[in-house]
Amino acid sequence: MPLPRPGAPAALRAVNRALAGTITLLLMLSVGVLVFPVSLQVFSRYTALIPAYIWTEEMARFCLVYAVMLGAMLAVREGTHFSVDVFPKLSPRGEAKVELLSGTFILVFALVFLWWGWEFTEFAWWRISELAELPLWIIHIAWPVAGLVWILFEAERMLDALAVLRSDA
């Protein structure tokens, strides 16, 4: 049995691990489904074999939004989203300080997505899409969910960074 890492509580790690696994599967599904309507659109433009379907554009848009949002969630978990390599290789303490600073900004963005994303979702709650007549909250809910997931993933990263700073003190 592996030793627990200092920093984030084991329960948070377990929740985040399960959540990341689920998001990975949903991302693969979203991209896989995205291929279908886009392929139909392309083939219908260049051949007379397939009729031009209108619903494919809307389905492709929905899948693309979900693919982007799910990918952004995983990128925050892996520390690759909002990341720019400005500094040379830093010490573990330096890396932890940079993680805490960048994590603060990520949390601000996450709170913006959560707060105004919920408002965005409420705006769409009783509206439907034009072509497929799907409820629009299905697409809009991706923003507050992304904000919430970013908070969970970044909490783990920041608690780990705090543990590094405490251990080297």
C-alpha atoms as a PDB file:
ATOM      1  CA  MET A   1       0.000   0.000   0.000  1.00  0.00           C
ATOM      2  CA  PRO A   2       1.507   3.376  -0.989  1.00  0.00           C
ATOM      3  CA  LEU A   3       2.215   5.918   1.706  1.00  0.00           C
ATOM      4  CA  PRO A   4      -0.140   8.905   1.733  1.00  0.00           C
ATOM      5  CA  ARG A   5       1.363  12.090   0.329  1.00  0.00           C
ATOM      6  CA  PRO A   6       1.393  15.107   2.605  1.00  0.00           C
ATOM      7  CA  GLY A   7      -0.841  17.986   1.640  1.00  0.00           C
ATOM      8  CA  ALA A   8      -4.351  17.424   0.396  1.00  0.00           C
ATOM      9  CA  PRO A   9      -6.558  15.050   2.409  1.00  0.00           C
ATOM     10  CA  ALA A  10      -6.877  11.519   1.090  1.00  0.00           C
ATOM     11  CA  ALA A  11     -10.641  11.967   0.629  1.00  0.00           C
ATOM     12  CA  LEU A  12     -10.105  14.977  -1.655  1.00  0.00           C
ATOM     13  CA  ARG A  13      -7.533  13.016  -3.655  1.00  0.00           C
ATOM     14  CA  ALA A  14      -9.921  10.091  -4.030  1.00  0.00           C
ATOM     15  CA  VAL A  15     -12.794  12.330  -5.131  1.00  0.00           C
ATOM     16  CA  ASN A  16     -10.558  14.172  -7.597  1.00  0.00           C
ATOM     17  CA  ARG A  17      -9.127  10.925  -8.987  1.00  0.00           C
ATOM     18  CA  ALA A  18     -12.625   9.525  -9.573  1.00  0.00           C
ATOM     19  CA  LEU A  19     -13.803  12.829 -11.004  1.00  0.00           C
ATOM     20  CA  ALA A  20     -10.815  13.020 -13.377  1.00  0.00           C
ATOM     21  CA  GLY A  21     -11.494   9.472 -14.559  1.00  0.00           C
ATOM     22  CA  THR A  22     -15.137  10.284 -15.236  1.00  0.00           C
ATOM     23  CA  ILE A  23     -14.222  13.517 -17.017  1.00  0.00           C
ATOM     24  CA  THR A  24     -11.687  11.645 -19.161  1.00  0.00           C
ATOM     25  CA  LEU A  25     -14.371   9.184 -20.262  1.00  0.00           C
ATOM     26  CA  LEU A  26     -16.841  12.003 -20.965  1.00  0.00           C
ATOM     27  CA  LEU A  27     -14.189  13.851 -22.965  1.00  0.00           C
ATOM     28  CA  MET A  28     -13.496  10.785 -25.095  1.00  0.00           C
ATOM     29  CA  LEU A  29     -17.239  10.318 -25.616  1.00  0.00           C
ATOM     30  CA  SER A  30     -17.724  13.986 -26.513  1.00  0.00           C
ATOM     31  CA  VAL A  31     -14.922  13.979 -29.075  1.00  0.00           C
ATOM     32  CA  GLY A  32     -16.070  10.622 -30.444  1.00  0.00           C
ATOM     33  CA  VAL A  33     -19.632  11.864 -30.866  1.00  0.00           C
ATOM     34  CA  LEU A  34     -18.335  15.130 -32.375  1.00  0.00           C
ATOM     35  CA  VAL A  35     -16.779  13.188 -35.260  1.00  0.00           C
ATOM     36  CA  PHE A  36     -20.184  11.862 -36.390  1.00  0.00           C
ATOM     37  CA  PRO A  37     -22.084  15.116 -37.134  1.00  0.00           C
ATOM     38  CA  VAL A  38     -18.987  16.834 -38.530  1.00  0.00           C
ATOM     39  CA  SER A  39     -18.386  13.900 -40.878  1.00  0.00           C
ATOM     40  CA  LEU A  40     -22.014  14.049 -42.008  1.00  0.00           C
ATOM     41  CA  GLN A  41     -21.644  17.768 -42.691  1.00  0.00           C
ATOM     42  CA  VAL A  42     -18.491  17.288 -44.750  1.00  0.00           C
ATOM     43  CA  PHE A  43     -19.828  14.352 -46.782  1.00  0.00           C
ATOM     44  CA  SER A  44     -23.149  16.097 -47.457  1.00  0.00           C
ATOM     45  CA  ARG A  45     -21.321  19.125 -48.883  1.00  0.00           C
ATOM     46  CA  TYR A  46     -19.221  17.174 -51.347  1.00  0.00           C
ATOM     47  CA  THR A  47     -21.467  14.268 -52.313  1.00  0.00           C
ATOM     48  CA  ALA A  48     -25.087  13.812 -53.258  1.00  0.00           C
ATOM     49  CA  LEU A  49     -25.215  10.514 -51.353  1.00  0.00           C
ATOM     50  CA  ILE A  50     -26.075  12.082 -48.000  1.00  0.00           C
ATOM     51  CA  PRO A  51     -28.720  14.772 -47.576  1.00  0.00           C
ATOM     52  CA  ALA A  52     -27.697  17.985 -45.794  1.00  0.00           C
ATOM     53  CA  TYR A  53     -28.907  17.632 -42.215  1.00  0.00           C
ATOM     54  CA  ILE A  54     -29.449  20.831 -40.245  1.00  0.00           C
ATOM     55  CA  TRP A  55     -29.265  19.253 -36.771  1.00  0.00           C
ATOM     56  CA  THR A  56     -25.636  18.214 -37.286  1.00  0.00           C
ATOM     57  CA  GLU A  57     -24.383  21.787 -36.849  1.00  0.00           C
ATOM     58  CA  GLU A  58     -26.079  22.142 -33.482  1.00  0.00           C
ATOM     59  CA  MET A  59     -24.970  18.728 -32.272  1.00  0.00           C
ATOM     60  CA  ALA A  60     -21.386  19.490 -33.319  1.00  0.00           C
ATOM     61  CA  ARG A  61     -21.515  22.811 -31.445  1.00  0.00           C
ATOM     62  CA  PHE A  62     -22.810  21.164 -28.256  1.00  0.00           C
ATOM     63  CA  CYS A  63     -20.139  18.445 -28.404  1.00  0.00           C
ATOM     64  CA  LEU A  64     -17.394  20.974 -29.102  1.00  0.00           C
ATOM     65  CA  VAL A  65     -18.385  23.110 -26.108  1.00  0.00           C
ATOM     66  CA  TYR A  66     -18.344  20.052 -23.863  1.00  0.00           C
ATOM     67  CA  ALA A  67     -15.017  18.845 -25.284  1.00  0.00           C
ATOM     68  CA  VAL A  68     -13.432  22.230 -24.581  1.00  0.00           C
ATOM     69  CA  MET A  69     -14.847  22.531 -21.070  1.00  0.00           C
ATOM     70  CA  LEU A  70     -13.982  18.946 -20.118  1.00  0.00           C
ATOM     71  CA  GLY A  71     -10.480  19.373 -21.525  1.00  0.00           C
ATOM     72  CA  ALA A  72     -10.043  22.584 -19.515  1.00  0.00           C
ATOM     73  CA  MET A  73     -11.073  20.737 -16.355  1.00  0.00           C
ATOM     74  CA  LEU A  74      -8.470  18.025 -16.924  1.00  0.00           C
ATOM     75  CA  ALA A  75      -5.824  20.615 -17.788  1.00  0.00           C
ATOM     76  CA  VAL A  76      -6.353  22.319 -14.421  1.00  0.00           C
ATOM     77  CA  ARG A  77      -5.994  18.939 -12.697  1.00  0.00           C
ATOM     78  CA  GLU A  78      -2.716  18.296 -14.490  1.00  0.00           C
ATOM     79  CA  GLY A  79      -1.457  21.857 -14.005  1.00  0.00           C
ATOM     80  CA  THR A  80      -1.219  22.552 -17.722  1.00  0.00           C
ATOM     81  CA  HIS A  81      -4.087  25.001 -18.108  1.00  0.00           C
ATOM     82  CA  PHE A  82      -3.281  28.684 -17.522  1.00  0.00           C
ATOM     83  CA  SER A  83       0.356  27.633 -17.382  1.00  0.00           C
ATOM     84  CA  VAL A  84       3.221  29.563 -18.906  1.00  0.00           C
ATOM     85  CA  ASP A  85       6.847  28.588 -18.374  1.00  0.00           C
ATOM     86  CA  VAL A  86       8.429  31.916 -17.497  1.00  0.00           C
ATOM     87  CA  PHE A  87      10.906  30.846 -14.864  1.00  0.00           C
ATOM     88  CA  PRO A  88      13.806  28.450 -15.271  1.00  0.00           C
ATOM     89  CA  LYS A  89      13.740  25.217 -13.291  1.00  0.00           C
ATOM     90  CA  LEU A  90      12.938  26.251  -9.734  1.00  0.00           C
ATOM     91  CA  SER A  91      13.520  24.557  -6.409  1.00  0.00           C
ATOM     92  CA  PRO A  92      10.576  22.660  -4.887  1.00  0.00           C
ATOM     93  CA  ARG A  93       9.863  25.676  -2.650  1.00  0.00           C
ATOM     94  CA  GLY A  94       9.961  28.005  -5.661  1.00  0.00           C
ATOM     95  CA  GLU A  95       7.629  25.712  -7.602  1.00  0.00           C
ATOM     96  CA  ALA A  96       5.268  25.639  -4.613  1.00  0.00           C
ATOM     97  CA  LYS A  97       5.226  29.439  -4.408  1.00  0.00           C
ATOM     98  CA  VAL A  98       4.486  29.751  -8.127  1.00  0.00           C
ATOM     99  CA  GLU A  99       1.752  27.111  -7.765  1.00  0.00           C
ATOM    100  CA  LEU A 100       0.129  29.079  -4.942  1.00  0.00           C
ATOM    101  CA  LEU A 101       0.278  32.331  -6.897  1.00  0.00           C
ATOM    102  CA  SER A 102      -1.085  30.845 -10.125  1.00  0.00           C
ATOM    103  CA  GLY A 103      -3.577  28.788  -8.128  1.00  0.00           C
ATOM    104  CA  THR A 104      -4.995  31.962  -6.633  1.00  0.00           C
ATOM    105  CA  PHE A 105      -5.711  33.299 -10.118  1.00  0.00           C
ATOM    106  CA  ILE A 106      -7.201  29.974 -11.184  1.00  0.00           C
ATOM    107  CA  LEU A 107      -9.496  30.084  -8.154  1.00  0.00           C
ATOM    108  CA  VAL A 108     -10.608  33.595  -9.131  1.00  0.00           C
ATOM    109  CA  PHE A 109     -11.448  32.358 -12.638  1.00  0.00           C
ATOM    110  CA  ALA A 110     -13.188  29.318 -11.147  1.00  0.00           C
ATOM    111  CA  LEU A 111     -15.348  31.515  -8.938  1.00  0.00           C
ATOM    112  CA  VAL A 112     -16.226  33.717 -11.930  1.00  0.00           C
ATOM    113  CA  PHE A 113     -17.221  30.636 -13.915  1.00  0.00           C
ATOM    114  CA  LEU A 114     -19.210  29.270 -10.976  1.00  0.00           C
ATOM    115  CA  TRP A 115     -21.030  32.498 -10.075  1.00  0.00           C
ATOM    116  CA  TRP A 116     -21.771  33.957 -13.493  1.00  0.00           C
ATOM    117  CA  GLY A 117     -21.962  30.533 -15.080  1.00  0.00           C
ATOM    118  CA  TRP A 118     -24.894  29.760 -12.827  1.00  0.00           C
ATOM    119  CA  GLU A 119     -26.506  33.044 -13.839  1.00  0.00           C
ATOM    120  CA  PHE A 120     -25.846  32.092 -17.477  1.00  0.00           C
ATOM    121  CA  THR A 121     -27.525  28.725 -16.868  1.00  0.00           C
ATOM    122  CA  GLU A 122     -30.544  30.286 -15.159  1.00  0.00           C
ATOM    123  CA  PHE A 123     -30.958  32.565 -18.179  1.00  0.00           C
ATOM    124  CA  ALA A 124     -31.218  29.475 -20.407  1.00  0.00           C
ATOM    125  CA  TRP A 125     -33.267  27.316 -18.031  1.00  0.00           C
ATOM    126  CA  TRP A 126     -36.586  27.553 -19.911  1.00  0.00           C
ATOM    127  CA  ARG A 127     -35.184  28.150 -23.399  1.00  0.00           C
ATOM    128  CA  ILE A 128     -34.700  25.540 -26.102  1.00  0.00           C
ATOM    129  CA  SER A 129     -32.260  25.266 -28.972  1.00  0.00           C
ATOM    130  CA  GLU A 130     -33.532  26.274 -32.389  1.00  0.00           C
ATOM    131  CA  LEU A 131     -32.903  23.102 -34.361  1.00  0.00           C
ATOM    132  CA  ALA A 132     -32.914  20.089 -32.077  1.00  0.00           C
ATOM    133  CA  GLU A 133     -35.233  21.720 -29.530  1.00  0.00           C
ATOM    134  CA  LEU A 134     -33.002  20.623 -26.665  1.00  0.00           C
ATOM    135  CA  PRO A 135     -33.112  22.561 -23.399  1.00  0.00           C
ATOM    136  CA  LEU A 136     -30.291  25.116 -23.506  1.00  0.00           C
ATOM    137  CA  TRP A 137     -29.407  24.660 -19.840  1.00  0.00           C
ATOM    138  CA  ILE A 138     -27.790  21.371 -20.917  1.00  0.00           C
ATOM    139  CA  ILE A 139     -25.069  23.331 -22.692  1.00  0.00           C
ATOM    140  CA  HIS A 140     -24.914  26.302 -20.306  1.00  0.00           C
ATOM    141  CA  ILE A 141     -24.434  24.144 -17.197  1.00  0.00           C
ATOM    142  CA  ALA A 142     -20.921  23.321 -18.429  1.00  0.00           C
ATOM    143  CA  TRP A 143     -19.654  26.712 -17.169  1.00  0.00           C
ATOM    144  CA  PRO A 144     -20.596  26.463 -13.467  1.00  0.00           C
ATOM    145  CA  VAL A 145     -19.658  22.773 -13.424  1.00  0.00           C
ATOM    146  CA  ALA A 146     -16.216  23.680 -14.805  1.00  0.00           C
ATOM    147  CA  GLY A 147     -15.832  26.324 -12.095  1.00  0.00           C
ATOM    148  CA  LEU A 148     -16.724  23.856  -9.354  1.00  0.00           C
ATOM    149  CA  VAL A 149     -14.393  21.174 -10.694  1.00  0.00           C
ATOM    150  CA  TRP A 150     -11.560  23.703 -11.047  1.00  0.00           C
ATOM    151  CA  ILE A 151     -11.999  24.608  -7.379  1.00  0.00           C
ATOM    152  CA  LEU A 152     -11.728  20.951  -6.344  1.00  0.00           C
ATOM    153  CA  PHE A 153      -8.724  20.218  -8.544  1.00  0.00           C
ATOM    154  CA  GLU A 154      -6.899  23.426  -7.640  1.00  0.00           C
ATOM    155  CA  ALA A 155      -7.551  22.894  -3.920  1.00  0.00           C
ATOM    156  CA  GLU A 156      -5.601  19.644  -4.110  1.00  0.00           C
ATOM    157  CA  ARG A 157      -2.726  21.298  -5.977  1.00  0.00           C
ATOM    158  CA  MET A 158      -2.573  24.243  -3.571  1.00  0.00           C
ATOM    159  CA  LEU A 159      -2.719  22.044  -0.457  1.00  0.00           C
ATOM    160  CA  ASP A 160       0.173  20.016  -1.873  1.00  0.00           C
ATOM    161  CA  ALA A 161       2.123  23.239  -2.498  1.00  0.00           C
ATOM    162  CA  LEU A 162       1.453  24.389   1.068  1.00  0.00           C
ATOM    163  CA  ALA A 163       2.723  21.035   2.348  1.00  0.00           C
ATOM    164  CA  VAL A 164       5.976  21.524   0.411  1.00  0.00           C
ATOM    165  CA  LEU A 165       6.426  24.988   1.939  1.00  0.00           C
ATOM    166  CA  ARG A 166       5.731  23.658   5.429  1.00  0.00           C
ATOM    167  CA  SER A 167       8.054  20.676   5.103  1.00  0.00           C
ATOM    168  CA  ASP A 168      11.030  22.762   4.000  1.00  0.00           C
ATOM    169  CA  ALA A 169      10.500  25.470   6.626  1.00  0.00           C
END
